[in-house]
Amino acid sequence: MSLTLTPQTAEAPAPELAPRERETLRHIAAGRTYLQTARHMGLSKHTVDAYLRRIRAKLDITTTAELTRLAISMGL
C-alpha cells in the first residue's frame, strides 16, 4: 500500500485578530498556561480568558489543539 501526501489546500482567510488577541494566541500555542500568559502580558487571567473566548468565537474554534494549529498556520 502506498501513501500519497497531498499539499494542504488554501483555507479561507481568517477574520482579523486584534494585536493582543494574536499575542495571547501565540503564548497559548507555545504551551503557556493562562496564568503564565497573563503574567507575561501584564494582564489578569480573566482578561486572557476573555481574549481566547473572543478568538474562539471569531474563528469558530473549540479546542486548544485547533488554536495551536491556527497559530502555526498564521506563523505565530
C-alpha atoms as a PDB file:
ATOM      1  CA  MET A   1       0.000   0.000   0.000  1.00  0.00           C
ATOM      2  CA  SER A   2       1.366   3.414  -0.860  1.00  0.00           C
ATOM      3  CA  LEU A   3       0.615   6.634   0.923  1.00  0.00           C
ATOM      4  CA  THR A   4       0.444   9.795  -1.099  1.00  0.00           C
ATOM      5  CA  LEU A   5       0.733  13.092   0.701  1.00  0.00           C
ATOM      6  CA  THR A   6      -1.133  15.943  -0.876  1.00  0.00           C
ATOM      7  CA  PRO A   7      -0.432  19.566  -0.046  1.00  0.00           C
ATOM      8  CA  GLN A   8      -2.922  21.345   2.176  1.00  0.00           C
ATOM      9  CA  THR A   9      -5.403  23.381   0.234  1.00  0.00           C
ATOM     10  CA  ALA A  10      -5.557  27.080   0.950  1.00  0.00           C
ATOM     11  CA  GLU A  11      -8.023  27.862   3.676  1.00  0.00           C
ATOM     12  CA  ALA A  12     -10.338  30.827   3.677  1.00  0.00           C
ATOM     13  CA  PRO A  13      -8.695  33.859   5.274  1.00  0.00           C
ATOM     14  CA  ALA A  14      -9.361  34.056   8.991  1.00  0.00           C
ATOM     15  CA  PRO A  15     -11.128  37.053  10.488  1.00  0.00           C
ATOM     16  CA  GLU A  16      -8.715  39.714  11.638  1.00  0.00           C
ATOM     17  CA  LEU A  17      -7.479  39.312  15.200  1.00  0.00           C
ATOM     18  CA  ALA A  18      -6.580  42.282  17.377  1.00  0.00           C
ATOM     19  CA  PRO A  19      -2.874  42.578  18.220  1.00  0.00           C
ATOM     20  CA  ARG A  20      -3.409  41.488  21.846  1.00  0.00           C
ATOM     21  CA  GLU A  21      -5.513  38.533  20.670  1.00  0.00           C
ATOM     22  CA  ARG A  22      -2.675  37.487  18.360  1.00  0.00           C
ATOM     23  CA  GLU A  23      -0.146  37.828  21.186  1.00  0.00           C
ATOM     24  CA  THR A  24      -2.354  35.798  23.519  1.00  0.00           C
ATOM     25  CA  LEU A  25      -2.771  33.103  20.876  1.00  0.00           C
ATOM     26  CA  ARG A  26       0.993  32.968  20.375  1.00  0.00           C
ATOM     27  CA  HIS A  27       1.592  32.383  24.099  1.00  0.00           C
ATOM     28  CA  ILE A  28      -1.079  29.701  24.427  1.00  0.00           C
ATOM     29  CA  ALA A  29       0.159  27.923  21.289  1.00  0.00           C
ATOM     30  CA  ALA A  30       3.659  27.943  22.812  1.00  0.00           C
ATOM     31  CA  GLY A  31       2.281  25.874  25.686  1.00  0.00           C
ATOM     32  CA  ARG A  32       1.940  28.564  28.329  1.00  0.00           C
ATOM     33  CA  THR A  33      -0.935  28.450  30.799  1.00  0.00           C
ATOM     34  CA  TYR A  34      -3.498  31.217  31.099  1.00  0.00           C
ATOM     35  CA  LEU A  35      -1.740  32.437  34.255  1.00  0.00           C
ATOM     36  CA  GLN A  36       1.725  32.397  32.660  1.00  0.00           C
ATOM     37  CA  THR A  37       0.353  34.258  29.647  1.00  0.00           C
ATOM     38  CA  ALA A  38      -1.360  36.808  31.874  1.00  0.00           C
ATOM     39  CA  ARG A  39       1.801  37.462  33.874  1.00  0.00           C
ATOM     40  CA  HIS A  40       3.925  37.824  30.744  1.00  0.00           C
ATOM     41  CA  MET A  41       1.448  40.252  29.160  1.00  0.00           C
ATOM     42  CA  GLY A  42       0.740  42.186  32.377  1.00  0.00           C
ATOM     43  CA  LEU A  43      -2.926  41.181  32.389  1.00  0.00           C
ATOM     44  CA  SER A  44      -5.283  39.280  34.648  1.00  0.00           C
ATOM     45  CA  LYS A  45      -6.018  35.623  33.982  1.00  0.00           C
ATOM     46  CA  HIS A  46      -9.624  36.656  33.304  1.00  0.00           C
ATOM     47  CA  THR A  47      -8.551  39.032  30.528  1.00  0.00           C
ATOM     48  CA  VAL A  48      -6.555  36.243  28.857  1.00  0.00           C
ATOM     49  CA  ASP A  49      -9.632  34.038  29.105  1.00  0.00           C
ATOM     50  CA  ALA A  50     -11.752  36.798  27.526  1.00  0.00           C
ATOM     51  CA  TYR A  51      -9.269  37.188  24.635  1.00  0.00           C
ATOM     52  CA  LEU A  52      -9.316  33.452  23.993  1.00  0.00           C
ATOM     53  CA  ARG A  53     -13.121  33.331  24.100  1.00  0.00           C
ATOM     54  CA  ARG A  54     -13.210  36.126  21.500  1.00  0.00           C
ATOM     55  CA  ILE A  55     -10.693  34.313  19.301  1.00  0.00           C
ATOM     56  CA  ARG A  56     -12.702  31.091  19.534  1.00  0.00           C
ATOM     57  CA  ALA A  57     -15.930  32.917  18.689  1.00  0.00           C
ATOM     58  CA  LYS A  58     -14.392  34.778  15.724  1.00  0.00           C
ATOM     59  CA  LEU A  59     -12.840  31.629  14.288  1.00  0.00           C
ATOM     60  CA  ASP A  60     -15.417  29.054  15.394  1.00  0.00           C
ATOM     61  CA  ILE A  61     -12.765  27.044  17.242  1.00  0.00           C
ATOM     62  CA  THR A  62     -13.478  24.886  20.277  1.00  0.00           C
ATOM     63  CA  THR A  63     -10.206  23.239  21.308  1.00  0.00           C
ATOM     64  CA  THR A  64      -6.716  24.351  22.268  1.00  0.00           C
ATOM     65  CA  ALA A  65      -5.338  21.959  19.650  1.00  0.00           C
ATOM     66  CA  GLU A  66      -7.258  23.843  16.957  1.00  0.00           C
ATOM     67  CA  LEU A  67      -5.986  27.152  18.370  1.00  0.00           C
ATOM     68  CA  THR A  68      -2.438  25.823  18.211  1.00  0.00           C
ATOM     69  CA  ARG A  69      -2.872  24.614  14.626  1.00  0.00           C
ATOM     70  CA  LEU A  70      -4.210  28.038  13.694  1.00  0.00           C
ATOM     71  CA  ALA A  71      -1.291  29.802  15.370  1.00  0.00           C
ATOM     72  CA  ILE A  72       1.173  27.634  13.456  1.00  0.00           C
ATOM     73  CA  SER A  73      -0.589  28.284  10.159  1.00  0.00           C
ATOM     74  CA  MET A  74      -0.508  32.025  10.916  1.00  0.00           C
ATOM     75  CA  GLY A  75       3.219  31.863  11.612  1.00  0.00           C
ATOM     76  CA  LEU A  76       2.868  32.824  15.261  1.00  0.00           C
END
